[in-house]
N, C-alpha and C. Protein backbone atom coordinates (compact mmCIF):
# COMPACT_ATOMS: atom_id res chain seq x y z
N MET A 1 17.36 9.31 -20.41
CA MET A 1 16.02 9.12 -20.97
C MET A 1 15.42 7.80 -20.47
N LYS A 2 16.23 6.76 -20.48
CA LYS A 2 15.74 5.46 -20.04
C LYS A 2 15.37 5.48 -18.57
N ARG A 3 16.21 6.14 -17.74
CA ARG A 3 15.94 6.22 -16.30
C ARG A 3 14.63 6.96 -16.04
N LYS A 4 14.42 8.06 -16.79
CA LYS A 4 13.20 8.85 -16.63
C LYS A 4 11.98 7.99 -16.94
N TRP A 5 12.06 7.20 -18.01
CA TRP A 5 10.96 6.32 -18.42
C TRP A 5 10.67 5.29 -17.33
N HIS A 6 11.74 4.70 -16.78
CA HIS A 6 11.59 3.70 -15.71
C HIS A 6 10.92 4.34 -14.49
N HIS A 7 11.33 5.56 -14.18
CA HIS A 7 10.77 6.28 -13.03
C HIS A 7 9.27 6.52 -13.25
N CYS A 8 8.88 6.83 -14.48
CA CYS A 8 7.48 7.07 -14.81
C CYS A 8 6.66 5.80 -14.60
N ILE A 9 7.21 4.68 -15.07
CA ILE A 9 6.52 3.39 -14.91
C ILE A 9 6.37 3.08 -13.43
N LEU A 10 7.45 3.27 -12.67
CA LEU A 10 7.43 3.00 -11.23
C LEU A 10 6.37 3.86 -10.55
N GLY A 11 6.35 5.14 -10.90
CA GLY A 11 5.38 6.07 -10.33
C GLY A 11 3.95 5.66 -10.67
N PHE A 12 3.75 5.22 -11.90
CA PHE A 12 2.43 4.78 -12.34
C PHE A 12 1.98 3.56 -11.55
N VAL A 13 2.88 2.58 -11.41
CA VAL A 13 2.57 1.36 -10.67
C VAL A 13 2.27 1.69 -9.22
N MET A 14 3.11 2.54 -8.61
CA MET A 14 2.91 2.94 -7.22
C MET A 14 1.58 3.65 -7.06
N GLY A 15 1.26 4.53 -8.01
CA GLY A 15 -0.02 5.24 -7.98
C GLY A 15 -1.19 4.29 -8.02
N ARG A 16 -1.10 3.29 -8.90
CA ARG A 16 -2.16 2.29 -9.03
C ARG A 16 -2.31 1.51 -7.73
N LEU A 17 -1.18 1.11 -7.14
CA LEU A 17 -1.20 0.36 -5.89
C LEU A 17 -1.84 1.18 -4.78
N LEU A 18 -1.42 2.44 -4.68
CA LEU A 18 -1.96 3.32 -3.65
C LEU A 18 -3.46 3.52 -3.84
N LYS A 19 -3.86 3.67 -5.11
CA LYS A 19 -5.27 3.87 -5.44
C LYS A 19 -6.09 2.64 -5.03
N ASN A 20 -5.51 1.46 -5.31
CA ASN A 20 -6.22 0.21 -5.03
C ASN A 20 -6.24 -0.11 -3.54
N THR A 21 -5.14 0.19 -2.83
CA THR A 21 -5.04 -0.17 -1.42
C THR A 21 -5.33 1.00 -0.49
N GLY A 22 -5.64 2.17 -1.06
CA GLY A 22 -5.90 3.36 -0.24
C GLY A 22 -6.95 3.12 0.82
N VAL A 23 -8.08 2.56 0.39
CA VAL A 23 -9.19 2.31 1.31
C VAL A 23 -8.78 1.28 2.36
N THR A 24 -8.10 0.24 1.89
CA THR A 24 -7.67 -0.84 2.79
C THR A 24 -6.75 -0.29 3.87
N VAL A 25 -5.80 0.54 3.46
CA VAL A 25 -4.85 1.13 4.40
C VAL A 25 -5.59 2.00 5.41
N ARG A 26 -6.54 2.77 4.92
CA ARG A 26 -7.31 3.65 5.80
C ARG A 26 -8.10 2.83 6.81
N ASP A 27 -8.70 1.74 6.33
CA ASP A 27 -9.44 0.85 7.22
C ASP A 27 -8.52 0.23 8.26
N MET A 28 -7.33 -0.19 7.80
CA MET A 28 -6.35 -0.79 8.70
C MET A 28 -5.95 0.20 9.80
N LEU A 29 -5.68 1.44 9.38
CA LEU A 29 -5.30 2.47 10.34
C LEU A 29 -6.42 2.71 11.34
N LYS A 30 -7.65 2.71 10.84
CA LYS A 30 -8.82 2.90 11.70
C LYS A 30 -8.90 1.77 12.71
N GLU A 31 -8.69 0.54 12.23
CA GLU A 31 -8.73 -0.64 13.09
C GLU A 31 -7.64 -0.54 14.16
N ILE A 32 -6.44 -0.17 13.73
CA ILE A 32 -5.31 -0.05 14.66
C ILE A 32 -5.62 1.02 15.70
N HIS A 33 -6.17 2.15 15.24
CA HIS A 33 -6.48 3.26 16.14
C HIS A 33 -7.54 2.83 17.16
N MET A 34 -8.55 2.10 16.69
CA MET A 34 -9.63 1.65 17.55
C MET A 34 -9.15 0.60 18.55
N SER A 35 -8.23 -0.25 18.10
CA SER A 35 -7.75 -1.33 18.95
C SER A 35 -6.37 -1.01 19.53
N SER A 36 -6.15 0.27 19.87
CA SER A 36 -4.86 0.68 20.42
C SER A 36 -4.62 0.04 21.79
N ASP A 37 -5.70 -0.14 22.55
CA ASP A 37 -5.61 -0.79 23.85
C ASP A 37 -5.14 -2.24 23.68
N THR A 38 -5.73 -2.92 22.70
CA THR A 38 -5.35 -4.30 22.41
C THR A 38 -3.89 -4.35 22.00
N TYR A 39 -3.47 -3.36 21.21
CA TYR A 39 -2.09 -3.28 20.75
C TYR A 39 -1.15 -3.14 21.94
N GLU A 40 -1.51 -2.29 22.88
CA GLU A 40 -0.70 -2.10 24.09
C GLU A 40 -0.58 -3.41 24.85
N GLN A 41 -1.68 -4.13 24.97
CA GLN A 41 -1.68 -5.41 25.66
C GLN A 41 -0.77 -6.40 24.95
N LEU A 42 -0.83 -6.41 23.61
CA LEU A 42 0.02 -7.30 22.81
C LEU A 42 1.48 -6.96 23.02
N LYS A 43 1.77 -5.66 23.06
CA LYS A 43 3.14 -5.20 23.26
C LYS A 43 3.67 -5.68 24.61
N LYS A 44 2.85 -5.53 25.65
CA LYS A 44 3.22 -5.98 26.99
C LYS A 44 3.48 -7.48 26.99
N ALA A 45 2.61 -8.23 26.29
CA ALA A 45 2.73 -9.69 26.21
C ALA A 45 4.03 -10.09 25.52
N THR A 46 4.37 -9.39 24.43
CA THR A 46 5.58 -9.73 23.69
C THR A 46 6.82 -9.38 24.51
N ILE A 47 6.74 -8.30 25.29
CA ILE A 47 7.87 -7.91 26.13
C ILE A 47 8.09 -8.97 27.21
N ARG A 48 6.99 -9.48 27.77
CA ARG A 48 7.08 -10.52 28.81
C ARG A 48 7.74 -11.79 28.27
N SER A 49 7.28 -12.23 27.10
CA SER A 49 7.79 -13.47 26.50
C SER A 49 9.01 -13.18 25.65
C-alpha cells in the first residue's frame, strides 16, 4: 500500500514537471532540429580537440 502511494506521488510530480516543461522541451527539440548543422560542426570540433 505504501509503495503504491509513493508511486502515485512520483507519477503526479512527473506529470506536473512534464506539463510545465513540455513546451520548453518541444522548443528545445525544435532548436536542436533547426541547428543540426551547427551541432554537426560542434561534434567535429569536439572530436578534433
